[in-house]
Amino acid sequence: MVFNIEAVRKFYHDPHLKLIADLVKRVSKVETDNVEIETDDLVGRGDSDDSYIRYNDRWNFPKKFDSPASNPQLCFEPDYNHLVLDLKFNHMGNTLTDYSGMNNHAEIYGEPCPASGITLPYRGGSMKSQAHGIGISEGIEYIVEDTVDTRMEEQGTGFSQWFVFNVKSFSQEGNLYHKYDDSNNGISVKLGTDANLHFLVENAGTSTFKKMDSATLSINTDYEVVVTHTVSGNVSKIYVNNVDKTLTNSALTIEDPAHNNSSICKNVDLNFMQHLRHYKDKPITAAQVGYLYTNKFTISNIAAGNVMILDGCVLAAPSGSFTTTSFTDTSFNTT
């Protein structure tokens, strides 16, 4: 093969060809800079054909009010120091950010699928939330490393947990949340094959194992469940969509998984899991359960659509004017 150097030089120095090549590069750059992947389109396609998209750190599509996990995630809940775990199943990646600010992030195992959750109220309207679809055959599990924030013996007066989910099937017994400390201490919130919600607490060797009496859950139904446990008297409560359920004893047990980490959504079949919170040393009241059910964001008494979202956390509306103690523990610890 023979190359004509002079022909190459002539082609390279042709001013018209150089101008065209330059324009092509500019157009290509503009198109590349303005290409965006629509999260909702991605979620919609994942919902429609049940396809699974491998989670990757390069694909992180949080809503506009969320920020990267490397930024501080402060929480302005009343009694903010009691909120020790706040997981939103709303983005892709290897880790779920703990928005409580306590750095109890959850590692993602298996391959969840993007899904749409419940409808959230916003001022001027509403919008679908983001969530994870969790297939029982996918080996999905979220792990939060063992910490004093979630150990039963560190719960003080008691604790509360909030779950937002929708069940696909009750084919197997599974855990929405499971924390085994030792044979005398542990917490488990289970979905049973009896379509019932089981709330099991082992506190200093005293077992309080409860389930709903005669009432069961249904598939393909949105649920906002709050469980609370008060250490004094070992009193447990289950609220389903803001209804305080009558309870009876459960025959299920808190199994030893051979580790002390918090295990979330193991062996469950869910259309979606949207939100999980854990309040340490704070059994929230029935009124606060109602506030959370109304506004979907906070246990503060704020109307639906009026909660301010700041940097992916909840900011309660201030009352009164600022004082010299506005940013002290006393001020923030007051409900």
C-alpha atoms as a PDB file:
ATOM      1  CA  MET A   1       0.000   0.000   0.000  1.00  0.00           C
ATOM      2  CA  VAL A   2       1.323   3.434  -0.957  1.00  0.00           C
ATOM      3  CA  PHE A   3       0.624   6.696   0.897  1.00  0.00           C
ATOM      4  CA  ASN A   4       0.781  10.067  -0.813  1.00  0.00           C
ATOM      5  CA  ILE A   5       2.123  12.448   1.826  1.00  0.00           C
ATOM      6  CA  GLU A   6       1.437  15.479  -0.318  1.00  0.00           C
ATOM      7  CA  ALA A   7      -2.226  14.453  -0.657  1.00  0.00           C
ATOM      8  CA  VAL A   8      -2.506  14.118   3.101  1.00  0.00           C
ATOM      9  CA  ARG A   9      -0.992  17.542   3.659  1.00  0.00           C
ATOM     10  CA  LYS A  10      -3.313  19.056   1.095  1.00  0.00           C
ATOM     11  CA  PHE A  11      -6.353  17.516   2.842  1.00  0.00           C
ATOM     12  CA  TYR A  12      -5.215  18.646   6.266  1.00  0.00           C
ATOM     13  CA  HIS A  13      -4.573  22.226   5.260  1.00  0.00           C
ATOM     14  CA  ASP A  14      -7.765  22.705   3.246  1.00  0.00           C
ATOM     15  CA  PRO A  15      -9.472  25.613   5.119  1.00  0.00           C
ATOM     16  CA  HIS A  16     -12.990  24.451   4.283  1.00  0.00           C
ATOM     17  CA  LEU A  17     -12.404  20.938   5.571  1.00  0.00           C
ATOM     18  CA  LYS A  18     -10.782  22.308   8.714  1.00  0.00           C
ATOM     19  CA  LEU A  19     -13.816  24.540   9.311  1.00  0.00           C
ATOM     20  CA  ILE A  20     -16.241  21.630   8.860  1.00  0.00           C
ATOM     21  CA  ALA A  21     -14.218  19.409  11.205  1.00  0.00           C
ATOM     22  CA  ASP A  22     -14.186  22.151  13.836  1.00  0.00           C
ATOM     23  CA  LEU A  23     -17.966  22.664  13.567  1.00  0.00           C
ATOM     24  CA  VAL A  24     -18.570  18.920  13.915  1.00  0.00           C
ATOM     25  CA  LYS A  25     -16.494  18.849  17.111  1.00  0.00           C
ATOM     26  CA  ARG A  26     -18.394  21.805  18.573  1.00  0.00           C
ATOM     27  CA  VAL A  27     -21.804  20.337  17.784  1.00  0.00           C
ATOM     28  CA  SER A  28     -20.755  17.006  19.277  1.00  0.00           C
ATOM     29  CA  LYS A  29     -19.574  18.719  22.471  1.00  0.00           C
ATOM     30  CA  VAL A  30     -22.843  20.669  22.868  1.00  0.00           C
ATOM     31  CA  GLU A  31     -24.887  17.499  22.416  1.00  0.00           C
ATOM     32  CA  THR A  32     -22.742  15.594  24.907  1.00  0.00           C
ATOM     33  CA  ASP A  33     -22.942  18.344  27.546  1.00  0.00           C
ATOM     34  CA  ASN A  34     -26.729  18.495  27.314  1.00  0.00           C
ATOM     35  CA  VAL A  35     -27.545  14.796  27.332  1.00  0.00           C
ATOM     36  CA  GLU A  36     -29.473  13.885  30.510  1.00  0.00           C
ATOM     37  CA  ILE A  37     -30.892  10.594  31.641  1.00  0.00           C
ATOM     38  CA  GLU A  38     -34.419  10.998  32.967  1.00  0.00           C
ATOM     39  CA  THR A  39     -34.749   9.173  36.282  1.00  0.00           C
ATOM     40  CA  ASP A  40     -38.510   8.773  35.974  1.00  0.00           C
ATOM     41  CA  ASP A  41     -38.109   7.157  32.538  1.00  0.00           C
ATOM     42  CA  LEU A  42     -35.607   4.732  33.996  1.00  0.00           C
ATOM     43  CA  VAL A  43     -37.860   3.935  36.938  1.00  0.00           C
ATOM     44  CA  GLY A  44     -40.897   3.547  34.698  1.00  0.00           C
ATOM     45  CA  ARG A  45     -39.136   1.101  32.399  1.00  0.00           C
ATOM     46  CA  GLY A  46     -37.912  -0.908  35.363  1.00  0.00           C
ATOM     47  CA  ASP A  47     -41.467  -1.099  36.723  1.00  0.00           C
ATOM     48  CA  SER A  48     -43.094  -2.016  33.419  1.00  0.00           C
ATOM     49  CA  ASP A  49     -41.000  -4.972  32.370  1.00  0.00           C
ATOM     50  CA  ASP A  50     -39.780  -6.153  35.797  1.00  0.00           C
ATOM     51  CA  SER A  51     -36.227  -5.806  34.557  1.00  0.00           C
ATOM     52  CA  TYR A  52     -33.451  -5.442  37.070  1.00  0.00           C
ATOM     53  CA  ILE A  53     -30.821  -2.748  36.735  1.00  0.00           C
ATOM     54  CA  ARG A  54     -27.521  -3.431  38.406  1.00  0.00           C
ATOM     55  CA  TYR A  55     -26.860  -0.757  41.010  1.00  0.00           C
ATOM     56  CA  ASN A  56     -23.652   1.131  40.393  1.00  0.00           C
ATOM     57  CA  ASP A  57     -22.081   4.159  42.044  1.00  0.00           C
ATOM     58  CA  ARG A  58     -21.963   5.860  38.644  1.00  0.00           C
ATOM     59  CA  TRP A  59     -25.786   5.752  38.512  1.00  0.00           C
ATOM     60  CA  ASN A  60     -26.937   7.833  41.425  1.00  0.00           C
ATOM     61  CA  PHE A  61     -30.218   9.594  40.665  1.00  0.00           C
ATOM     62  CA  PRO A  62     -31.546  11.195  43.866  1.00  0.00           C
ATOM     63  CA  LYS A  63     -34.258  13.828  43.788  1.00  0.00           C
ATOM     64  CA  LYS A  64     -33.253  17.476  43.651  1.00  0.00           C
ATOM     65  CA  PHE A  65     -33.535  17.958  47.420  1.00  0.00           C
ATOM     66  CA  ASP A  66     -31.047  15.147  48.093  1.00  0.00           C
ATOM     67  CA  SER A  67     -27.314  15.751  48.086  1.00  0.00           C
ATOM     68  CA  PRO A  68     -24.384  13.359  47.649  1.00  0.00           C
ATOM     69  CA  ALA A  69     -23.712  11.095  50.621  1.00  0.00           C
ATOM     70  CA  SER A  70     -20.379  12.836  51.246  1.00  0.00           C
ATOM     71  CA  ASN A  71     -22.191  15.995  52.367  1.00  0.00           C
ATOM     72  CA  PRO A  72     -23.513  16.386  55.938  1.00  0.00           C
ATOM     73  CA  GLN A  73     -27.068  15.067  56.368  1.00  0.00           C
ATOM     74  CA  LEU A  74     -28.447  16.979  59.348  1.00  0.00           C
ATOM     75  CA  CYS A  75     -31.865  16.293  60.808  1.00  0.00           C
ATOM     76  CA  PHE A  76     -34.079  18.930  62.379  1.00  0.00           C
ATOM     77  CA  GLU A  77     -36.702  16.608  63.861  1.00  0.00           C
ATOM     78  CA  PRO A  78     -37.963  17.498  67.349  1.00  0.00           C
ATOM     79  CA  ASP A  79     -35.781  15.554  69.798  1.00  0.00           C
ATOM     80  CA  TYR A  80     -33.422  15.185  66.874  1.00  0.00           C
ATOM     81  CA  ASN A  81     -30.857  13.291  68.946  1.00  0.00           C
ATOM     82  CA  HIS A  82     -33.266  10.331  69.201  1.00  0.00           C
ATOM     83  CA  LEU A  83     -33.509   9.754  65.452  1.00  0.00           C
ATOM     84  CA  VAL A  84     -30.549   7.419  64.880  1.00  0.00           C
ATOM     85  CA  LEU A  85     -31.478   5.722  61.596  1.00  0.00           C
ATOM     86  CA  ASP A  86     -33.291   7.282  58.618  1.00  0.00           C
ATOM     87  CA  LEU A  87     -33.069   5.282  55.398  1.00  0.00           C
ATOM     88  CA  LYS A  88     -34.769   6.397  52.188  1.00  0.00           C
ATOM     89  CA  PHE A  89     -34.785   3.719  49.498  1.00  0.00           C
ATOM     90  CA  ASN A  90     -34.651   6.379  46.796  1.00  0.00           C
ATOM     91  CA  HIS A  91     -31.349   6.099  44.974  1.00  0.00           C
ATOM     92  CA  MET A  92     -28.968   3.738  43.273  1.00  0.00           C
ATOM     93  CA  GLY A  93     -25.566   2.794  44.567  1.00  0.00           C
ATOM     94  CA  ASN A  94     -23.883   0.309  46.882  1.00  0.00           C
ATOM     95  CA  THR A  95     -24.951   2.176  50.018  1.00  0.00           C
ATOM     96  CA  LEU A  96     -28.146   3.726  51.385  1.00  0.00           C
ATOM     97  CA  THR A  97     -27.438   7.053  53.075  1.00  0.00           C
ATOM     98  CA  ASP A  98     -28.501   7.416  56.707  1.00  0.00           C
ATOM     99  CA  TYR A  99     -30.191  10.828  56.736  1.00  0.00           C
ATOM    100  CA  SER A 100     -30.334  10.930  60.542  1.00  0.00           C
ATOM    101  CA  GLY A 101     -26.790  12.292  60.568  1.00  0.00           C
ATOM    102  CA  MET A 102     -25.595   9.395  62.767  1.00  0.00           C
ATOM    103  CA  ASN A 103     -23.683   7.741  59.902  1.00  0.00           C
ATOM    104  CA  ASN A 104     -25.505   4.420  60.226  1.00  0.00           C
ATOM    105  CA  HIS A 105     -25.427   3.858  56.478  1.00  0.00           C
ATOM    106  CA  ALA A 106     -26.743   0.587  55.043  1.00  0.00           C
ATOM    107  CA  GLU A 107     -24.822  -1.603  52.626  1.00  0.00           C
ATOM    108  CA  ILE A 108     -26.930  -2.950  49.746  1.00  0.00           C
ATOM    109  CA  TYR A 109     -26.667  -6.648  48.918  1.00  0.00           C
ATOM    110  CA  GLY A 110     -28.393  -8.244  45.941  1.00  0.00           C
ATOM    111  CA  GLU A 111     -30.078  -6.356  43.129  1.00  0.00           C
ATOM    112  CA  PRO A 112     -33.099  -4.237  44.104  1.00  0.00           C
ATOM    113  CA  CYS A 113     -35.138  -2.680  41.303  1.00  0.00           C
ATOM    114  CA  PRO A 114     -36.184   0.997  41.064  1.00  0.00           C
ATOM    115  CA  ALA A 115     -39.869   1.383  41.918  1.00  0.00           C
ATOM    116  CA  SER A 116     -42.477   4.038  42.682  1.00  0.00           C
ATOM    117  CA  GLY A 117     -43.623   4.386  46.299  1.00  0.00           C
ATOM    118  CA  ILE A 118     -46.499   6.212  47.937  1.00  0.00           C
ATOM    119  CA  THR A 119     -47.752   9.606  46.804  1.00  0.00           C
ATOM    120  CA  LEU A 120     -46.154  12.385  48.842  1.00  0.00           C
ATOM    121  CA  PRO A 121     -47.847  15.726  49.552  1.00  0.00           C
ATOM    122  CA  TYR A 122     -46.115  18.852  48.318  1.00  0.00           C
ATOM    123  CA  ARG A 123     -47.344  22.414  48.419  1.00  0.00           C
ATOM    124  CA  GLY A 124     -49.266  22.922  45.209  1.00  0.00           C
ATOM    125  CA  GLY A 125     -49.798  19.226  44.539  1.00  0.00           C
ATOM    126  CA  SER A 126     -48.296  15.800  45.076  1.00  0.00           C
ATOM    127  CA  MET A 127     -45.771  13.475  43.502  1.00  0.00           C
ATOM    128  CA  LYS A 128     -44.777   9.826  43.535  1.00  0.00           C
ATOM    129  CA  SER A 129     -41.877   8.921  45.769  1.00  0.00           C
ATOM    130  CA  GLN A 130     -38.927   6.754  44.802  1.00  0.00           C
ATOM    131  CA  ALA A 131     -38.450   3.315  46.326  1.00  0.00           C
ATOM    132  CA  HIS A 132     -36.851  -0.102  45.845  1.00  0.00           C
ATOM    133  CA  GLY A 133     -38.679  -3.140  44.511  1.00  0.00           C
ATOM    134  CA  ILE A 134     -37.463  -6.192  46.437  1.00  0.00           C
ATOM    135  CA  GLY A 135     -37.912  -9.628  44.883  1.00  0.00           C
ATOM    136  CA  ILE A 136     -37.636 -12.562  47.273  1.00  0.00           C
ATOM    137  CA  SER A 137     -35.608 -14.591  44.771  1.00  0.00           C
ATOM    138  CA  GLU A 138     -32.925 -11.914  44.357  1.00  0.00           C
ATOM    139  CA  GLY A 139     -31.163 -12.433  47.695  1.00  0.00           C
ATOM    140  CA  ILE A 140     -31.622  -8.778  48.644  1.00  0.00           C
ATOM    141  CA  GLU A 141     -30.623  -7.537  52.082  1.00  0.00           C
ATOM    142  CA  TYR A 142     -29.545  -4.217  53.615  1.00  0.00           C
ATOM    143  CA  ILE A 143     -26.984  -4.338  56.428  1.00  0.00           C
ATOM    144  CA  VAL A 144     -26.299  -1.639  59.033  1.00  0.00           C
ATOM    145  CA  GLU A 145     -23.233  -2.408  61.099  1.00  0.00           C
ATOM    146  CA  ASP A 146     -23.664  -3.034  64.815  1.00  0.00           C
ATOM    147  CA  THR A 147     -23.832   0.214  66.770  1.00  0.00           C
ATOM    148  CA  VAL A 148     -24.917   1.403  70.208  1.00  0.00           C
ATOM    149  CA  ASP A 149     -27.662   3.373  68.446  1.00  0.00           C
ATOM    150  CA  THR A 150     -29.639   0.211  67.644  1.00  0.00           C
ATOM    151  CA  ARG A 151     -28.705  -2.215  70.433  1.00  0.00           C
ATOM    152  CA  MET A 152     -31.707  -3.128  72.555  1.00  0.00           C
ATOM    153  CA  GLU A 153     -29.896  -2.613  75.852  1.00  0.00           C
ATOM    154  CA  GLU A 154     -29.102   0.985  74.771  1.00  0.00           C
ATOM    155  CA  GLN A 155     -32.713   1.987  74.003  1.00  0.00           C
ATOM    156  CA  GLY A 156     -33.352   3.658  77.367  1.00  0.00           C
ATOM    157  CA  THR A 157     -37.093   4.243  77.816  1.00  0.00           C
ATOM    158  CA  GLY A 158     -37.868   2.404  74.588  1.00  0.00           C
ATOM    159  CA  PHE A 159     -37.829   2.903  70.821  1.00  0.00           C
ATOM    160  CA  SER A 160     -39.953   3.398  67.714  1.00  0.00           C
ATOM    161  CA  GLN A 161     -39.623   2.331  64.080  1.00  0.00           C
ATOM    162  CA  TRP A 162     -41.448   3.563  60.974  1.00  0.00           C
ATOM    163  CA  PHE A 163     -41.814   1.524  57.781  1.00  0.00           C
ATOM    164  CA  VAL A 164     -43.358   2.476  54.416  1.00  0.00           C
ATOM    165  CA  PHE A 165     -43.853  -0.517  52.117  1.00  0.00           C
ATOM    166  CA  ASN A 166     -46.152  -2.550  49.857  1.00  0.00           C
ATOM    167  CA  VAL A 167     -46.216  -6.373  49.962  1.00  0.00           C
ATOM    168  CA  LYS A 168     -46.110  -8.492  46.814  1.00  0.00           C
ATOM    169  CA  SER A 169     -46.555 -11.861  48.524  1.00  0.00           C
ATOM    170  CA  PHE A 170     -46.399 -13.597  51.903  1.00  0.00           C
ATOM    171  CA  SER A 171     -44.892 -16.787  50.473  1.00  0.00           C
ATOM    172  CA  GLN A 172     -42.141 -16.934  53.102  1.00  0.00           C
ATOM    173  CA  GLU A 173     -41.483 -15.583  56.571  1.00  0.00           C
ATOM    174  CA  GLY A 174     -39.141 -12.598  56.346  1.00  0.00           C
ATOM    175  CA  ASN A 175     -37.758  -9.643  58.276  1.00  0.00           C
ATOM    176  CA  LEU A 176     -38.487  -6.005  57.613  1.00  0.00           C
ATOM    177  CA  TYR A 177     -35.972  -5.362  60.402  1.00  0.00           C
ATOM    178  CA  HIS A 178     -33.887  -7.736  62.498  1.00  0.00           C
ATOM    179  CA  LYS A 179     -31.290  -6.981  65.199  1.00  0.00           C
ATOM    180  CA  TYR A 180     -29.922  -9.781  67.371  1.00  0.00           C
ATOM    181  CA  ASP A 181     -27.618  -8.653  70.185  1.00  0.00           C
ATOM    182  CA  ASP A 182     -27.520 -11.821  72.287  1.00  0.00           C
ATOM    183  CA  SER A 183     -29.919 -14.411  73.677  1.00  0.00           C
ATOM    184  CA  ASN A 184     -31.362 -11.794  76.054  1.00  0.00           C
ATOM    185  CA  ASN A 185     -31.664  -8.781  73.745  1.00  0.00           C
ATOM    186  CA  GLY A 186     -32.986  -8.265  70.241  1.00  0.00           C
ATOM    187  CA  ILE A 187     -35.579  -6.647  67.965  1.00  0.00           C
ATOM    188  CA  SER A 188     -37.401  -8.136  64.989  1.00  0.00           C
ATOM    189  CA  VAL A 189     -40.264  -6.875  62.809  1.00  0.00           C
ATOM    190  CA  LYS A 190     -41.460  -9.745  60.632  1.00  0.00           C
ATOM    191  CA  LEU A 191     -43.890 -10.453  57.832  1.00  0.00           C
ATOM    192  CA  GLY A 192     -45.324 -13.906  58.465  1.00  0.00           C
ATOM    193  CA  THR A 193     -46.790 -16.431  56.046  1.00  0.00           C
ATOM    194  CA  ASP A 194     -50.051 -15.756  57.920  1.00  0.00           C
ATOM    195  CA  ALA A 195     -50.089 -12.263  56.305  1.00  0.00           C
ATOM    196  CA  ASN A 196     -49.597 -10.784  59.754  1.00  0.00           C
ATOM    197  CA  LEU A 197     -47.097  -8.308  61.146  1.00  0.00           C
ATOM    198  CA  HIS A 198     -45.080  -9.714  64.067  1.00  0.00           C
ATOM    199  CA  PHE A 199     -43.256  -7.368  66.448  1.00  0.00           C
ATOM    200  CA  LEU A 200     -40.748  -9.220  68.633  1.00  0.00           C
ATOM    201  CA  VAL A 201     -38.722  -7.602  71.423  1.00  0.00           C
ATOM    202  CA  GLU A 202     -36.293  -9.361  73.748  1.00  0.00           C
ATOM    203  CA  ASN A 203     -35.305  -6.956  76.519  1.00  0.00           C
ATOM    204  CA  ALA A 204     -32.908  -8.122  79.246  1.00  0.00           C
ATOM    205  CA  GLY A 205     -34.315 -11.636  78.987  1.00  0.00           C
ATOM    206  CA  THR A 206     -37.974 -10.582  78.940  1.00  0.00           C
ATOM    207  CA  SER A 207     -39.806 -11.552  75.745  1.00  0.00           C
ATOM    208  CA  THR A 208     -42.570  -9.342  74.364  1.00  0.00           C
ATOM    209  CA  PHE A 209     -43.583 -11.100  71.148  1.00  0.00           C
ATOM    210  CA  LYS A 210     -46.743  -9.631  69.591  1.00  0.00           C
ATOM    211  CA  LYS A 211     -48.756  -9.696  66.372  1.00  0.00           C
ATOM    212  CA  MET A 212     -52.023  -8.145  65.233  1.00  0.00           C
ATOM    213  CA  ASP A 213     -55.095  -9.859  66.630  1.00  0.00           C
ATOM    214  CA  SER A 214     -57.431 -11.037  63.816  1.00  0.00           C
ATOM    215  CA  ALA A 215     -56.269  -8.220  61.513  1.00  0.00           C
ATOM    216  CA  THR A 216     -53.905  -9.062  58.666  1.00  0.00           C
ATOM    217  CA  LEU A 217     -52.138  -7.228  55.865  1.00  0.00           C
ATOM    218  CA  SER A 218     -53.019  -7.462  52.167  1.00  0.00           C
ATOM    219  CA  ILE A 219     -50.869  -7.657  49.061  1.00  0.00           C
ATOM    220  CA  ASN A 220     -50.592  -4.705  46.654  1.00  0.00           C
ATOM    221  CA  THR A 221     -51.568  -2.245  49.394  1.00  0.00           C
ATOM    222  CA  ASP A 222     -49.562   0.746  50.629  1.00  0.00           C
ATOM    223  CA  TYR A 223     -48.729   0.546  54.329  1.00  0.00           C
ATOM    224  CA  GLU A 224     -47.238   2.993  56.775  1.00  0.00           C
ATOM    225  CA  VAL A 225     -46.451   0.983  59.892  1.00  0.00           C
ATOM    226  CA  VAL A 226     -45.140   2.305  63.208  1.00  0.00           C
ATOM    227  CA  VAL A 227     -44.038  -0.022  65.989  1.00  0.00           C
ATOM    228  CA  THR A 228     -43.209   1.279  69.460  1.00  0.00           C
ATOM    229  CA  HIS A 229     -41.895  -0.413  72.583  1.00  0.00           C
ATOM    230  CA  THR A 230     -41.867   1.097  76.060  1.00  0.00           C
ATOM    231  CA  VAL A 231     -39.350  -0.570  78.375  1.00  0.00           C
ATOM    232  CA  SER A 232     -41.326   0.220  81.531  1.00  0.00           C
ATOM    233  CA  GLY A 233     -43.885  -2.568  81.625  1.00  0.00           C
ATOM    234  CA  ASN A 234     -42.594  -3.924  78.277  1.00  0.00           C
ATOM    235  CA  VAL A 235     -45.514  -2.461  76.331  1.00  0.00           C
ATOM    236  CA  SER A 236     -45.507  -2.870  72.542  1.00  0.00           C
ATOM    237  CA  LYS A 237     -47.778  -1.166  70.018  1.00  0.00           C
ATOM    238  CA  ILE A 238     -48.370  -1.586  66.280  1.00  0.00           C
ATOM    239  CA  TYR A 239     -49.938   1.212  64.222  1.00  0.00           C
ATOM    240  CA  VAL A 240     -51.021   0.453  60.651  1.00  0.00           C
ATOM    241  CA  ASN A 241     -51.930   3.505  58.561  1.00  0.00           C
ATOM    242  CA  ASN A 242     -52.468   5.487  61.764  1.00  0.00           C
ATOM    243  CA  VAL A 243     -54.690   2.819  63.401  1.00  0.00           C
ATOM    244  CA  ASP A 244     -53.617   1.461  66.794  1.00  0.00           C
ATOM    245  CA  LYS A 245     -54.049  -2.298  66.385  1.00  0.00           C
ATOM    246  CA  THR A 246     -55.205  -4.752  69.030  1.00  0.00           C
ATOM    247  CA  LEU A 247     -52.400  -7.232  69.660  1.00  0.00           C
ATOM    248  CA  THR A 248     -52.047 -10.847  70.709  1.00  0.00           C
ATOM    249  CA  ASN A 249     -49.055 -13.081  71.393  1.00  0.00           C
ATOM    250  CA  SER A 250     -46.849 -14.262  68.540  1.00  0.00           C
ATOM    251  CA  ALA A 251     -45.242 -17.704  68.339  1.00  0.00           C
ATOM    252  CA  LEU A 252     -42.382 -16.527  66.129  1.00  0.00           C
ATOM    253  CA  THR A 253     -38.862 -16.041  67.480  1.00  0.00           C
ATOM    254  CA  ILE A 254     -35.836 -13.790  67.043  1.00  0.00           C
ATOM    255  CA  GLU A 255     -33.344 -16.047  65.304  1.00  0.00           C
ATOM    256  CA  ASP A 256     -29.576 -15.741  65.703  1.00  0.00           C
ATOM    257  CA  PRO A 257     -28.096 -14.774  62.297  1.00  0.00           C
ATOM    258  CA  ALA A 258     -24.537 -15.308  63.587  1.00  0.00           C
ATOM    259  CA  HIS A 259     -23.834 -11.563  63.567  1.00  0.00           C
ATOM    260  CA  ASN A 260     -24.993  -8.499  65.509  1.00  0.00           C
ATOM    261  CA  ASN A 261     -25.676  -6.173  62.590  1.00  0.00           C
ATOM    262  CA  SER A 262     -29.104  -4.798  61.711  1.00  0.00           C
ATOM    263  CA  SER A 263     -30.571  -6.791  58.828  1.00  0.00           C
ATOM    264  CA  ILE A 264     -33.266  -5.066  56.765  1.00  0.00           C
ATOM    265  CA  CYS A 265     -35.699  -6.542  54.215  1.00  0.00           C
ATOM    266  CA  LYS A 266     -34.227 -10.042  54.240  1.00  0.00           C
ATOM    267  CA  ASN A 267     -36.368 -12.794  52.699  1.00  0.00           C
ATOM    268  CA  VAL A 268     -39.332 -10.504  51.970  1.00  0.00           C
ATOM    269  CA  ASP A 269     -41.239 -10.061  48.706  1.00  0.00           C
ATOM    270  CA  LEU A 270     -42.174  -6.393  48.317  1.00  0.00           C
ATOM    271  CA  ASN A 271     -43.564  -4.301  45.478  1.00  0.00           C
ATOM    272  CA  PHE A 272     -41.638  -1.520  47.173  1.00  0.00           C
ATOM    273  CA  MET A 273     -39.798  -0.508  50.312  1.00  0.00           C
ATOM    274  CA  GLN A 274     -39.654   3.252  50.641  1.00  0.00           C
ATOM    275  CA  HIS A 275     -38.623   4.392  54.111  1.00  0.00           C
ATOM    276  CA  LEU A 276     -37.314   3.128  57.462  1.00  0.00           C
ATOM    277  CA  ARG A 277     -36.651   5.108  60.612  1.00  0.00           C
ATOM    278  CA  HIS A 278     -35.496   4.184  64.104  1.00  0.00           C
ATOM    279  CA  TYR A 279     -36.030   6.485  67.091  1.00  0.00           C
ATOM    280  CA  LYS A 280     -33.800   5.538  70.034  1.00  0.00           C
ATOM    281  CA  ASP A 281     -34.961   6.127  73.620  1.00  0.00           C
ATOM    282  CA  LYS A 282     -38.248   7.500  72.270  1.00  0.00           C
ATOM    283  CA  PRO A 283     -41.504   5.552  72.038  1.00  0.00           C
ATOM    284  CA  ILE A 284     -43.393   8.131  69.958  1.00  0.00           C
ATOM    285  CA  THR A 285     -46.945   8.964  70.969  1.00  0.00           C
ATOM    286  CA  ALA A 286     -50.167   8.212  69.113  1.00  0.00           C
ATOM    287  CA  ALA A 287     -50.394  11.909  68.244  1.00  0.00           C
ATOM    288  CA  GLN A 288     -46.913  11.869  66.709  1.00  0.00           C
ATOM    289  CA  VAL A 289     -47.793   8.749  64.734  1.00  0.00           C
ATOM    290  CA  GLY A 290     -50.734  10.738  63.355  1.00  0.00           C
ATOM    291  CA  TYR A 291     -48.542  13.696  62.411  1.00  0.00           C
ATOM    292  CA  LEU A 292     -46.159  11.385  60.554  1.00  0.00           C
ATOM    293  CA  TYR A 293     -49.035   9.722  58.719  1.00  0.00           C
ATOM    294  CA  THR A 294     -50.422  13.110  57.711  1.00  0.00           C
ATOM    295  CA  ASN A 295     -47.297  14.842  56.415  1.00  0.00           C
ATOM    296  CA  LYS A 296     -45.153  11.756  55.560  1.00  0.00           C
ATOM    297  CA  PHE A 297     -41.935  13.418  56.743  1.00  0.00           C
ATOM    298  CA  THR A 298     -41.851  14.343  60.427  1.00  0.00           C
ATOM    299  CA  ILE A 299     -43.405  13.710  63.847  1.00  0.00           C
ATOM    300  CA  SER A 300     -43.869  17.472  64.187  1.00  0.00           C
ATOM    301  CA  ASN A 301     -47.407  18.810  63.985  1.00  0.00           C
ATOM    302  CA  ILE A 302     -47.134  20.203  60.449  1.00  0.00           C
ATOM    303  CA  ALA A 303     -49.829  19.987  57.773  1.00  0.00           C
ATOM    304  CA  ALA A 304     -49.312  17.878  54.671  1.00  0.00           C
ATOM    305  CA  GLY A 305     -47.273  19.705  52.037  1.00  0.00           C
ATOM    306  CA  ASN A 306     -45.865  22.259  54.483  1.00  0.00           C
ATOM    307  CA  VAL A 307     -42.746  20.412  55.605  1.00  0.00           C
ATOM    308  CA  MET A 308     -39.606  22.092  54.311  1.00  0.00           C
ATOM    309  CA  ILE A 309     -37.113  19.719  52.688  1.00  0.00           C
ATOM    310  CA  LEU A 310     -33.532  20.881  53.142  1.00  0.00           C
ATOM    311  CA  ASP A 311     -30.548  18.890  51.878  1.00  0.00           C
ATOM    312  CA  GLY A 312     -32.486  15.640  52.049  1.00  0.00           C
ATOM    313  CA  CYS A 313     -33.531  16.036  55.675  1.00  0.00           C
ATOM    314  CA  VAL A 314     -36.597  17.256  57.536  1.00  0.00           C
ATOM    315  CA  LEU A 315     -36.765  20.795  58.892  1.00  0.00           C
ATOM    316  CA  ALA A 316     -39.536  21.588  61.334  1.00  0.00           C
ATOM    317  CA  ALA A 317     -41.155  25.017  61.106  1.00  0.00           C
ATOM    318  CA  PRO A 318     -39.823  27.316  63.875  1.00  0.00           C
ATOM    319  CA  SER A 319     -42.214  28.753  66.430  1.00  0.00           C
ATOM    320  CA  GLY A 320     -41.629  32.161  67.965  1.00  0.00           C
ATOM    321  CA  SER A 321     -38.499  34.250  67.529  1.00  0.00           C
ATOM    322  CA  PHE A 322     -34.878  33.184  67.929  1.00  0.00           C
ATOM    323  CA  THR A 323     -33.352  33.628  71.362  1.00  0.00           C
ATOM    324  CA  THR A 324     -29.893  33.185  72.840  1.00  0.00           C
ATOM    325  CA  THR A 325     -30.774  29.533  73.499  1.00  0.00           C
ATOM    326  CA  SER A 326     -32.164  28.813  70.035  1.00  0.00           C
ATOM    327  CA  PHE A 327     -29.254  26.557  69.138  1.00  0.00           C
ATOM    328  CA  THR A 328     -28.690  24.876  72.498  1.00  0.00           C
ATOM    329  CA  ASP A 329     -29.517  21.256  73.363  1.00  0.00           C
ATOM    330  CA  THR A 330     -32.406  22.507  75.477  1.00  0.00           C
ATOM    331  CA  SER A 331     -33.957  24.267  72.507  1.00  0.00           C
ATOM    332  CA  PHE A 332     -33.539  21.396  70.046  1.00  0.00           C
ATOM    333  CA  ASN A 333     -34.637  18.732  72.537  1.00  0.00           C
ATOM    334  CA  THR A 334     -38.024  20.348  73.064  1.00  0.00           C
ATOM    335  CA  THR A 335     -40.897  18.776  71.088  1.00  0.00           C
END
